[in-house]
Amino acid sequence: MSNDFRLGGDLPIGRLGFGAMRLPTNSFHGPARDPETGRAVLRRAVELGVDHIDTAAFYTSDDGSVRANDLIREALHPYPEGLVIATKVGPLRTPDGGLEATTDPGALRALVEENLESLGVDRLDLVYLRIGGIEPPPHGESVAARFEALAALREEGLIRHLGLSHVDAGHLTEARAIAPVAAVQNHFHTDKRDDTEVLARCEEAGIAYVPYFPLGGGLSDIRGDRIAKVADRHGATVPQIALAWLLASSPVTLAIPGTGSAAHLEENTAAGSITLTAEDLADLG
């Protein structure tokens, strides 16, 4: 299976990218990490061939002093040719460090412009409309008005491709009737496989399926005996096998493991060279 993908049909990227959430803090929220460490991790990611970075303006330390978008701009701008930066809009930070989704389509322009400014670009490669905060919204909630607002910004040339995050199959159908969808970002990994309908829809349409928390995100334990067995067979780590499984699960899956550690970054990127056998996949279920 190829490790390359054409996002939106015209942006070639590797299927193993990098998530920037852990650069400002050790988790989704918390005290600030050393910004120079974050910048060093980003520079090393590019050196290792990573050409897809996933970020958001709301990826910040609790005090707002360290922001993922700022670190990306400071470390990598002017950006290397071929580097694709994806961001997401919709949620707003709450005083307690959580997320609260805006349902106001008119608020999305300011959020897109915030990303343009903080990343130092004139056009965003990929913007996900994220529905809901930490948890997905109730099924049946319409995305039409918000997706239309982003589609209008795409027509203005501020966005190249559109994506969706925290959505179900109905949301995907609704959005695709408005404008092309290049990517979907939902919660999916070796031990959370209940999003198969959306994944199947993406595979049929050639839409990238980009799971967040591909290694569990601290919410799930992926260190099961079955993964450890395959890891031993390959002389690999459990996270590496979890990433390799994700890439093997469909030709449209992309992985964006995040870390604030250069050592973990190198471990994660090495997973792209692991080819799982039929026996491996059978053992992983």
C-alpha atoms as a PDB file:
ATOM      1  CA  MET A   1       0.000   0.000   0.000  1.00  0.00           C
ATOM      2  CA  SER A   2       1.334   3.422  -0.945  1.00  0.00           C
ATOM      3  CA  ASN A   3       2.441   5.839   1.747  1.00  0.00           C
ATOM      4  CA  ASP A   4       1.463   8.785  -0.450  1.00  0.00           C
ATOM      5  CA  PHE A   5      -1.897  10.494  -0.866  1.00  0.00           C
ATOM      6  CA  ARG A   6      -3.259  13.323  -3.014  1.00  0.00           C
ATOM      7  CA  LEU A   7      -5.292  15.533  -0.712  1.00  0.00           C
ATOM      8  CA  GLY A   8      -8.273  16.958  -2.550  1.00  0.00           C
ATOM      9  CA  GLY A   9      -6.891  15.346  -5.677  1.00  0.00           C
ATOM     10  CA  ASP A  10      -4.133  17.940  -6.104  1.00  0.00           C
ATOM     11  CA  LEU A  11      -1.949  18.155  -2.977  1.00  0.00           C
ATOM     12  CA  PRO A  12       0.528  15.263  -2.707  1.00  0.00           C
ATOM     13  CA  ILE A  13       1.393  14.446   0.903  1.00  0.00           C
ATOM     14  CA  GLY A  14       2.790  11.569   2.886  1.00  0.00           C
ATOM     15  CA  ARG A  15       0.234   9.543   4.822  1.00  0.00           C
ATOM     16  CA  LEU A  16       2.178   9.903   8.063  1.00  0.00           C
ATOM     17  CA  GLY A  17       2.078  13.498   9.256  1.00  0.00           C
ATOM     18  CA  PHE A  18       2.401  15.372  12.532  1.00  0.00           C
ATOM     19  CA  GLY A  19      -0.152  16.743  14.986  1.00  0.00           C
ATOM     20  CA  ALA A  20       0.762  19.985  16.754  1.00  0.00           C
ATOM     21  CA  MET A  21      -1.590  19.769  19.748  1.00  0.00           C
ATOM     22  CA  ARG A  22       1.122  18.687  22.206  1.00  0.00           C
ATOM     23  CA  LEU A  23       3.602  21.403  21.307  1.00  0.00           C
ATOM     24  CA  PRO A  24       2.239  24.170  23.581  1.00  0.00           C
ATOM     25  CA  THR A  25       1.342  21.838  26.482  1.00  0.00           C
ATOM     26  CA  ASN A  26       1.777  18.213  27.467  1.00  0.00           C
ATOM     27  CA  SER A  27      -1.890  17.486  26.791  1.00  0.00           C
ATOM     28  CA  PHE A  28      -4.857  19.365  25.371  1.00  0.00           C
ATOM     29  CA  HIS A  29      -4.502  21.994  28.073  1.00  0.00           C
ATOM     30  CA  GLY A  30      -2.055  22.681  30.852  1.00  0.00           C
ATOM     31  CA  PRO A  31       1.010  24.770  31.647  1.00  0.00           C
ATOM     32  CA  ALA A  32       3.223  25.986  28.832  1.00  0.00           C
ATOM     33  CA  ARG A  33       6.026  23.808  27.513  1.00  0.00           C
ATOM     34  CA  ASP A  34       9.385  25.219  26.470  1.00  0.00           C
ATOM     35  CA  PRO A  35       8.694  26.894  23.111  1.00  0.00           C
ATOM     36  CA  GLU A  36      12.188  26.246  21.791  1.00  0.00           C
ATOM     37  CA  THR A  37      11.659  22.522  22.291  1.00  0.00           C
ATOM     38  CA  GLY A  38       8.477  22.790  20.227  1.00  0.00           C
ATOM     39  CA  ARG A  39      10.277  24.662  17.462  1.00  0.00           C
ATOM     40  CA  ALA A  40      13.058  22.065  17.448  1.00  0.00           C
ATOM     41  CA  VAL A  41      10.518  19.224  17.135  1.00  0.00           C
ATOM     42  CA  LEU A  42       8.894  20.960  14.160  1.00  0.00           C
ATOM     43  CA  ARG A  43      12.212  21.481  12.405  1.00  0.00           C
ATOM     44  CA  ARG A  44      13.124  17.838  12.995  1.00  0.00           C
ATOM     45  CA  ALA A  45       9.766  16.700  11.633  1.00  0.00           C
ATOM     46  CA  VAL A  46      10.452  18.446   8.344  1.00  0.00           C
ATOM     47  CA  GLU A  47      13.989  17.010   8.277  1.00  0.00           C
ATOM     48  CA  LEU A  48      12.434  13.546   8.616  1.00  0.00           C
ATOM     49  CA  GLY A  49      10.247  14.175   5.580  1.00  0.00           C
ATOM     50  CA  VAL A  50       6.976  15.101   7.270  1.00  0.00           C
ATOM     51  CA  ASP A  51       4.991  17.262   4.858  1.00  0.00           C
ATOM     52  CA  HIS A  52       1.596  17.410   6.621  1.00  0.00           C
ATOM     53  CA  ILE A  53       1.190  19.312   9.883  1.00  0.00           C
ATOM     54  CA  ASP A  54      -2.173  19.438  11.643  1.00  0.00           C
ATOM     55  CA  THR A  55      -2.810  22.396  13.946  1.00  0.00           C
ATOM     56  CA  ALA A  56      -5.436  24.797  15.297  1.00  0.00           C
ATOM     57  CA  ALA A  57      -5.420  28.324  16.680  1.00  0.00           C
ATOM     58  CA  PHE A  58      -6.972  26.955  19.878  1.00  0.00           C
ATOM     59  CA  TYR A  59      -3.942  24.719  20.514  1.00  0.00           C
ATOM     60  CA  THR A  60      -2.453  26.878  23.263  1.00  0.00           C
ATOM     61  CA  SER A  61      -1.107  26.662  26.773  1.00  0.00           C
ATOM     62  CA  ASP A  62      -3.616  27.593  29.461  1.00  0.00           C
ATOM     63  CA  ASP A  63      -2.103  31.043  29.894  1.00  0.00           C
ATOM     64  CA  GLY A  64      -1.957  31.631  26.140  1.00  0.00           C
ATOM     65  CA  SER A  65       1.788  32.242  26.184  1.00  0.00           C
ATOM     66  CA  VAL A  66       2.658  29.347  23.853  1.00  0.00           C
ATOM     67  CA  ARG A  67       0.575  28.726  20.736  1.00  0.00           C
ATOM     68  CA  ALA A  68       1.003  25.955  18.187  1.00  0.00           C
ATOM     69  CA  ASN A  69       0.468  28.220  15.180  1.00  0.00           C
ATOM     70  CA  ASP A  70       3.095  30.672  16.421  1.00  0.00           C
ATOM     71  CA  LEU A  71       5.599  27.857  16.920  1.00  0.00           C
ATOM     72  CA  ILE A  72       4.954  26.552  13.392  1.00  0.00           C
ATOM     73  CA  ARG A  73       5.474  29.992  11.870  1.00  0.00           C
ATOM     74  CA  GLU A  74       8.558  30.751  13.962  1.00  0.00           C
ATOM     75  CA  ALA A  75      10.178  27.386  13.242  1.00  0.00           C
ATOM     76  CA  LEU A  76       9.337  26.860   9.594  1.00  0.00           C
ATOM     77  CA  HIS A  77       8.390  30.116   7.852  1.00  0.00           C
ATOM     78  CA  PRO A  78       9.090  30.657   4.986  1.00  0.00           C
ATOM     79  CA  TYR A  79       7.561  27.215   4.581  1.00  0.00           C
ATOM     80  CA  PRO A  80       9.304  24.519   2.544  1.00  0.00           C
ATOM     81  CA  GLU A  81       7.755  23.824  -0.824  1.00  0.00           C
ATOM     82  CA  GLY A  82       5.212  21.032  -0.558  1.00  0.00           C
ATOM     83  CA  LEU A  83       4.490  21.453   3.168  1.00  0.00           C
ATOM     84  CA  VAL A  84       0.738  21.190   3.807  1.00  0.00           C
ATOM     85  CA  ILE A  85      -0.633  22.802   6.961  1.00  0.00           C
ATOM     86  CA  ALA A  86      -4.141  21.845   8.038  1.00  0.00           C
ATOM     87  CA  THR A  87      -6.077  23.735  10.682  1.00  0.00           C
ATOM     88  CA  LYS A  88      -9.568  23.644  12.129  1.00  0.00           C
ATOM     89  CA  VAL A  89     -12.144  26.211  13.160  1.00  0.00           C
ATOM     90  CA  GLY A  90     -15.372  26.125  15.117  1.00  0.00           C
ATOM     91  CA  PRO A  91     -14.448  25.551  18.771  1.00  0.00           C
ATOM     92  CA  LEU A  92     -13.495  28.370  21.117  1.00  0.00           C
ATOM     93  CA  ARG A  93     -11.479  28.027  24.298  1.00  0.00           C
ATOM     94  CA  THR A  94     -13.438  28.283  27.556  1.00  0.00           C
ATOM     95  CA  PRO A  95     -12.012  29.754  30.775  1.00  0.00           C
ATOM     96  CA  ASP A  96     -11.573  26.270  32.251  1.00  0.00           C
ATOM     97  CA  GLY A  97      -9.419  25.149  29.306  1.00  0.00           C
ATOM     98  CA  GLY A  98     -12.136  23.233  27.481  1.00  0.00           C
ATOM     99  CA  LEU A  99     -13.755  23.865  24.131  1.00  0.00           C
ATOM    100  CA  GLU A 100     -17.126  25.329  23.252  1.00  0.00           C
ATOM    101  CA  ALA A 101     -18.307  25.155  19.656  1.00  0.00           C
ATOM    102  CA  THR A 102     -19.669  28.208  17.937  1.00  0.00           C
ATOM    103  CA  THR A 103     -22.755  27.627  15.839  1.00  0.00           C
ATOM    104  CA  ASP A 104     -22.617  31.140  14.347  1.00  0.00           C
ATOM    105  CA  PRO A 105     -21.540  30.967  10.685  1.00  0.00           C
ATOM    106  CA  GLY A 106     -20.580  34.634  10.822  1.00  0.00           C
ATOM    107  CA  ALA A 107     -17.911  33.917  13.439  1.00  0.00           C
ATOM    108  CA  LEU A 108     -15.943  31.627  11.133  1.00  0.00           C
ATOM    109  CA  ARG A 109     -14.377  34.386   9.015  1.00  0.00           C
ATOM    110  CA  ALA A 110     -12.603  35.840  12.037  1.00  0.00           C
ATOM    111  CA  LEU A 111     -11.380  32.371  13.036  1.00  0.00           C
ATOM    112  CA  VAL A 112     -10.030  31.725   9.530  1.00  0.00           C
ATOM    113  CA  GLU A 113      -8.346  35.130   9.497  1.00  0.00           C
ATOM    114  CA  GLU A 114      -6.787  34.372  12.900  1.00  0.00           C
ATOM    115  CA  ASN A 115      -5.197  31.240  11.413  1.00  0.00           C
ATOM    116  CA  LEU A 116      -4.025  33.089   8.310  1.00  0.00           C
ATOM    117  CA  GLU A 117      -2.313  35.713  10.445  1.00  0.00           C
ATOM    118  CA  SER A 118      -0.787  33.418  13.047  1.00  0.00           C
ATOM    119  CA  LEU A 119       0.551  30.997  10.422  1.00  0.00           C
ATOM    120  CA  GLY A 120       1.763  33.827   8.188  1.00  0.00           C
ATOM    121  CA  VAL A 121       0.053  32.675   4.994  1.00  0.00           C
ATOM    122  CA  ASP A 122      -2.321  34.160   2.422  1.00  0.00           C
ATOM    123  CA  ARG A 123      -4.238  30.929   1.920  1.00  0.00           C
ATOM    124  CA  LEU A 124      -4.820  27.940   4.189  1.00  0.00           C
ATOM    125  CA  ASP A 125      -4.190  24.533   2.615  1.00  0.00           C
ATOM    126  CA  LEU A 126      -6.948  22.719   4.518  1.00  0.00           C
ATOM    127  CA  VAL A 127      -9.516  24.000   6.988  1.00  0.00           C
ATOM    128  CA  TYR A 128     -11.699  21.586   8.933  1.00  0.00           C
ATOM    129  CA  LEU A 129     -15.067  22.686  10.219  1.00  0.00           C
ATOM    130  CA  ARG A 130     -15.060  21.068  13.627  1.00  0.00           C
ATOM    131  CA  ILE A 131     -18.518  20.420  15.000  1.00  0.00           C
ATOM    132  CA  GLY A 132     -18.866  20.321  18.766  1.00  0.00           C
ATOM    133  CA  GLY A 133     -16.300  20.743  21.473  1.00  0.00           C
ATOM    134  CA  ILE A 134     -14.557  17.795  23.094  1.00  0.00           C
ATOM    135  CA  GLU A 135     -17.415  15.441  22.225  1.00  0.00           C
ATOM    136  CA  PRO A 136     -19.209  15.207  18.864  1.00  0.00           C
ATOM    137  CA  PRO A 137     -22.609  16.942  18.637  1.00  0.00           C
ATOM    138  CA  PRO A 138     -25.925  15.133  18.620  1.00  0.00           C
ATOM    139  CA  HIS A 139     -26.731  13.336  15.397  1.00  0.00           C
ATOM    140  CA  GLY A 140     -28.953  15.413  13.163  1.00  0.00           C
ATOM    141  CA  GLU A 141     -27.391  18.791  13.938  1.00  0.00           C
ATOM    142  CA  SER A 142     -27.041  20.624  10.633  1.00  0.00           C
ATOM    143  CA  VAL A 143     -23.635  21.751   9.387  1.00  0.00           C
ATOM    144  CA  ALA A 144     -25.015  23.484   6.287  1.00  0.00           C
ATOM    145  CA  ALA A 145     -24.871  27.147   7.324  1.00  0.00           C
ATOM    146  CA  ARG A 146     -21.374  26.861   8.796  1.00  0.00           C
ATOM    147  CA  PHE A 147     -20.028  24.842   5.889  1.00  0.00           C
ATOM    148  CA  GLU A 148     -21.524  27.334   3.437  1.00  0.00           C
ATOM    149  CA  ALA A 149     -19.651  30.098   5.259  1.00  0.00           C
ATOM    150  CA  LEU A 150     -16.353  28.242   4.845  1.00  0.00           C
ATOM    151  CA  ALA A 151     -17.190  27.415   1.227  1.00  0.00           C
ATOM    152  CA  ALA A 152     -17.615  31.149   0.583  1.00  0.00           C
ATOM    153  CA  LEU A 153     -14.157  31.794   2.045  1.00  0.00           C
ATOM    154  CA  ARG A 154     -12.820  29.066  -0.235  1.00  0.00           C
ATOM    155  CA  GLU A 155     -14.361  30.863  -3.211  1.00  0.00           C
ATOM    156  CA  GLU A 156     -12.581  34.039  -2.075  1.00  0.00           C
ATOM    157  CA  GLY A 157      -9.281  32.170  -2.243  1.00  0.00           C
ATOM    158  CA  LEU A 158      -8.577  32.151   1.508  1.00  0.00           C
ATOM    159  CA  ILE A 159      -8.874  28.353   1.742  1.00  0.00           C
ATOM    160  CA  ARG A 160      -7.704  25.715  -0.712  1.00  0.00           C
ATOM    161  CA  HIS A 161      -9.535  22.649   0.623  1.00  0.00           C
ATOM    162  CA  LEU A 162     -12.324  22.046   3.132  1.00  0.00           C
ATOM    163  CA  GLY A 163     -12.670  19.317   5.722  1.00  0.00           C
ATOM    164  CA  LEU A 164     -14.995  18.184   8.502  1.00  0.00           C
ATOM    165  CA  SER A 165     -14.267  17.018  12.041  1.00  0.00           C
ATOM    166  CA  HIS A 166     -16.462  15.312  14.678  1.00  0.00           C
ATOM    167  CA  VAL A 167     -19.076  14.374  12.103  1.00  0.00           C
ATOM    168  CA  ASP A 168     -21.270  11.447  11.160  1.00  0.00           C
ATOM    169  CA  ALA A 169     -22.228  10.139   7.724  1.00  0.00           C
ATOM    170  CA  GLY A 170     -25.217  12.477   7.559  1.00  0.00           C
ATOM    171  CA  HIS A 171     -23.033  15.521   8.138  1.00  0.00           C
ATOM    172  CA  LEU A 172     -20.680  14.357   5.407  1.00  0.00           C
ATOM    173  CA  THR A 173     -23.529  13.954   2.915  1.00  0.00           C
ATOM    174  CA  GLU A 174     -24.925  17.377   3.821  1.00  0.00           C
ATOM    175  CA  ALA A 175     -21.570  19.112   3.416  1.00  0.00           C
ATOM    176  CA  ARG A 176     -20.702  17.421   0.116  1.00  0.00           C
ATOM    177  CA  ALA A 177     -23.902  18.819  -1.387  1.00  0.00           C
ATOM    178  CA  ILE A 178     -22.489  22.299  -0.701  1.00  0.00           C
ATOM    179  CA  ALA A 179     -18.805  22.007  -1.622  1.00  0.00           C
ATOM    180  CA  PRO A 180     -16.113  19.332  -2.065  1.00  0.00           C
ATOM    181  CA  VAL A 181     -14.861  17.730   1.148  1.00  0.00           C
ATOM    182  CA  ALA A 182     -11.169  16.838   1.030  1.00  0.00           C
ATOM    183  CA  ALA A 183     -10.762  15.305   4.493  1.00  0.00           C
ATOM    184  CA  VAL A 184     -12.597  14.079   7.573  1.00  0.00           C
ATOM    185  CA  GLN A 185     -11.042  14.082  11.034  1.00  0.00           C
ATOM    186  CA  ASN A 186     -12.810  11.810  13.531  1.00  0.00           C
ATOM    187  CA  HIS A 187     -11.799   9.720  16.548  1.00  0.00           C
ATOM    188  CA  PHE A 188     -10.486   6.342  15.385  1.00  0.00           C
ATOM    189  CA  HIS A 189      -7.629   4.002  16.318  1.00  0.00           C
ATOM    190  CA  THR A 190      -6.864   0.323  16.939  1.00  0.00           C
ATOM    191  CA  ASP A 191      -9.176   0.145  19.947  1.00  0.00           C
ATOM    192  CA  LYS A 192     -11.862   2.545  18.698  1.00  0.00           C
ATOM    193  CA  ARG A 193     -13.243   1.314  15.408  1.00  0.00           C
ATOM    194  CA  ASP A 194     -16.882   2.411  15.569  1.00  0.00           C
ATOM    195  CA  ASP A 195     -16.609   5.014  12.782  1.00  0.00           C
ATOM    196  CA  THR A 196     -16.565   2.486   9.968  1.00  0.00           C
ATOM    197  CA  GLU A 197     -19.500   4.024   8.085  1.00  0.00           C
ATOM    198  CA  VAL A 198     -17.794   7.385   7.696  1.00  0.00           C
ATOM    199  CA  LEU A 199     -14.506   5.697   6.801  1.00  0.00           C
ATOM    200  CA  ALA A 200     -16.279   3.655   4.100  1.00  0.00           C
ATOM    201  CA  ARG A 201     -17.881   6.803   2.674  1.00  0.00           C
ATOM    202  CA  CYS A 202     -14.482   8.490   2.566  1.00  0.00           C
ATOM    203  CA  GLU A 203     -12.877   5.507   0.874  1.00  0.00           C
ATOM    204  CA  GLU A 204     -15.593   5.423  -1.802  1.00  0.00           C
ATOM    205  CA  ALA A 205     -15.127   9.128  -2.548  1.00  0.00           C
ATOM    206  CA  GLY A 206     -11.319   9.346  -2.220  1.00  0.00           C
ATOM    207  CA  ILE A 207     -11.644  11.638   0.810  1.00  0.00           C
ATOM    208  CA  ALA A 208      -8.789  11.582   3.307  1.00  0.00           C
ATOM    209  CA  TYR A 209      -9.730  10.085   6.672  1.00  0.00           C
ATOM    210  CA  VAL A 210      -7.421  11.595   9.292  1.00  0.00           C
ATOM    211  CA  PRO A 211      -8.062  10.247  12.803  1.00  0.00           C
ATOM    212  CA  TYR A 212      -7.260  12.455  15.728  1.00  0.00           C
ATOM    213  CA  PHE A 213      -5.776  10.688  18.766  1.00  0.00           C
ATOM    214  CA  PRO A 214      -4.372   7.895  16.551  1.00  0.00           C
ATOM    215  CA  LEU A 215      -2.544   6.547  19.608  1.00  0.00           C
ATOM    216  CA  GLY A 216      -5.443   6.960  22.011  1.00  0.00           C
ATOM    217  CA  GLY A 217      -4.691  10.518  23.081  1.00  0.00           C
ATOM    218  CA  GLY A 218      -4.472   9.474  26.708  1.00  0.00           C
ATOM    219  CA  LEU A 219      -8.189   8.591  26.629  1.00  0.00           C
ATOM    220  CA  SER A 220      -7.698   4.940  25.647  1.00  0.00           C
ATOM    221  CA  ASP A 221      -5.085   2.285  26.389  1.00  0.00           C
ATOM    222  CA  ILE A 222      -3.770   0.785  23.148  1.00  0.00           C
ATOM    223  CA  ARG A 223      -1.225  -1.436  24.878  1.00  0.00           C
ATOM    224  CA  GLY A 224      -3.030  -4.725  24.428  1.00  0.00           C
ATOM    225  CA  ASP A 225      -1.374  -8.116  24.202  1.00  0.00           C
ATOM    226  CA  ARG A 226      -2.364  -8.519  20.552  1.00  0.00           C
ATOM    227  CA  ILE A 227      -0.526  -5.331  19.545  1.00  0.00           C
ATOM    228  CA  ALA A 228       2.474  -6.246  21.686  1.00  0.00           C
ATOM    229  CA  LYS A 229       2.657  -9.634  19.941  1.00  0.00           C
ATOM    230  CA  VAL A 230       2.873  -8.010  16.517  1.00  0.00           C
ATOM    231  CA  ALA A 231       5.323  -5.406  17.809  1.00  0.00           C
ATOM    232  CA  ASP A 232       7.653  -8.158  19.053  1.00  0.00           C
ATOM    233  CA  ARG A 233       7.442  -9.847  15.666  1.00  0.00           C
ATOM    234  CA  HIS A 234       8.649  -6.664  13.933  1.00  0.00           C
ATOM    235  CA  GLY A 235      11.086  -5.492  16.594  1.00  0.00           C
ATOM    236  CA  ALA A 236       8.901  -2.393  16.881  1.00  0.00           C
ATOM    237  CA  THR A 237       7.069  -0.524  19.619  1.00  0.00           C
ATOM    238  CA  VAL A 238       3.341  -0.760  20.343  1.00  0.00           C
ATOM    239  CA  PRO A 239       2.684   2.826  19.117  1.00  0.00           C
ATOM    240  CA  GLN A 240       4.515   2.065  15.880  1.00  0.00           C
ATOM    241  CA  ILE A 241       2.299  -0.956  15.232  1.00  0.00           C
ATOM    242  CA  ALA A 242      -0.817   1.055  16.088  1.00  0.00           C
ATOM    243  CA  LEU A 243       0.187   3.637  13.481  1.00  0.00           C
ATOM    244  CA  ALA A 244       1.079   0.981  10.929  1.00  0.00           C
ATOM    245  CA  TRP A 245      -2.339  -0.630  11.473  1.00  0.00           C
ATOM    246  CA  LEU A 246      -4.036   2.700  10.891  1.00  0.00           C
ATOM    247  CA  LEU A 247      -2.242   3.159   7.574  1.00  0.00           C
ATOM    248  CA  ALA A 248      -3.049  -0.431   6.578  1.00  0.00           C
ATOM    249  CA  SER A 249      -6.741  -0.110   7.448  1.00  0.00           C
ATOM    250  CA  SER A 250      -7.598   1.848   4.287  1.00  0.00           C
ATOM    251  CA  PRO A 251      -5.788   3.596   1.424  1.00  0.00           C
ATOM    252  CA  VAL A 252      -7.412   6.888   2.473  1.00  0.00           C
ATOM    253  CA  THR A 253      -6.301   6.895   6.127  1.00  0.00           C
ATOM    254  CA  LEU A 254      -3.674   9.421   7.184  1.00  0.00           C
ATOM    255  CA  ALA A 255      -2.012   9.435  10.605  1.00  0.00           C
ATOM    256  CA  ILE A 256      -1.094  12.591  12.514  1.00  0.00           C
ATOM    257  CA  PRO A 257       0.517  11.464  15.789  1.00  0.00           C
ATOM    258  CA  GLY A 258       1.485  14.385  17.968  1.00  0.00           C
ATOM    259  CA  THR A 259       4.293  14.800  20.439  1.00  0.00           C
ATOM    260  CA  GLY A 260       6.451  17.410  22.083  1.00  0.00           C
ATOM    261  CA  SER A 261       9.443  15.055  22.143  1.00  0.00           C
ATOM    262  CA  ALA A 262      11.988  14.635  19.349  1.00  0.00           C
ATOM    263  CA  ALA A 263      12.576  11.021  20.407  1.00  0.00           C
ATOM    264  CA  HIS A 264       8.887  10.180  20.166  1.00  0.00           C
ATOM    265  CA  LEU A 265       8.697  12.012  16.848  1.00  0.00           C
ATOM    266  CA  GLU A 266      11.431   9.813  15.406  1.00  0.00           C
ATOM    267  CA  GLU A 267       9.739   6.691  16.784  1.00  0.00           C
ATOM    268  CA  ASN A 268       6.406   7.704  15.246  1.00  0.00           C
ATOM    269  CA  THR A 269       7.781   8.575  11.820  1.00  0.00           C
ATOM    270  CA  ALA A 270       9.628   5.251  11.644  1.00  0.00           C
ATOM    271  CA  ALA A 271       6.229   3.535  11.700  1.00  0.00           C
ATOM    272  CA  GLY A 272       5.800   4.513   8.059  1.00  0.00           C
ATOM    273  CA  SER A 273       8.390   1.900   7.069  1.00  0.00           C
ATOM    274  CA  ILE A 274       6.551  -0.992   8.754  1.00  0.00           C
ATOM    275  CA  THR A 275       4.581  -3.268   6.442  1.00  0.00           C
ATOM    276  CA  LEU A 276       2.080  -5.430   8.253  1.00  0.00           C
ATOM    277  CA  THR A 277       1.503  -8.950   6.929  1.00  0.00           C
ATOM    278  CA  ALA A 278      -1.797 -10.758   6.584  1.00  0.00           C
ATOM    279  CA  GLU A 279      -0.878 -12.654   9.754  1.00  0.00           C
ATOM    280  CA  ASP A 280      -0.258  -9.383  11.571  1.00  0.00           C
ATOM    281  CA  LEU A 281      -3.592  -7.937  10.497  1.00  0.00           C
ATOM    282  CA  ALA A 282      -5.370 -11.126  11.538  1.00  0.00           C
ATOM    283  CA  ASP A 283      -3.759 -10.959  14.969  1.00  0.00           C
ATOM    284  CA  LEU A 284      -4.769  -7.307  15.328  1.00  0.00           C
ATOM    285  CA  GLY A 285      -8.377  -8.200  14.528  1.00  0.00           C
END
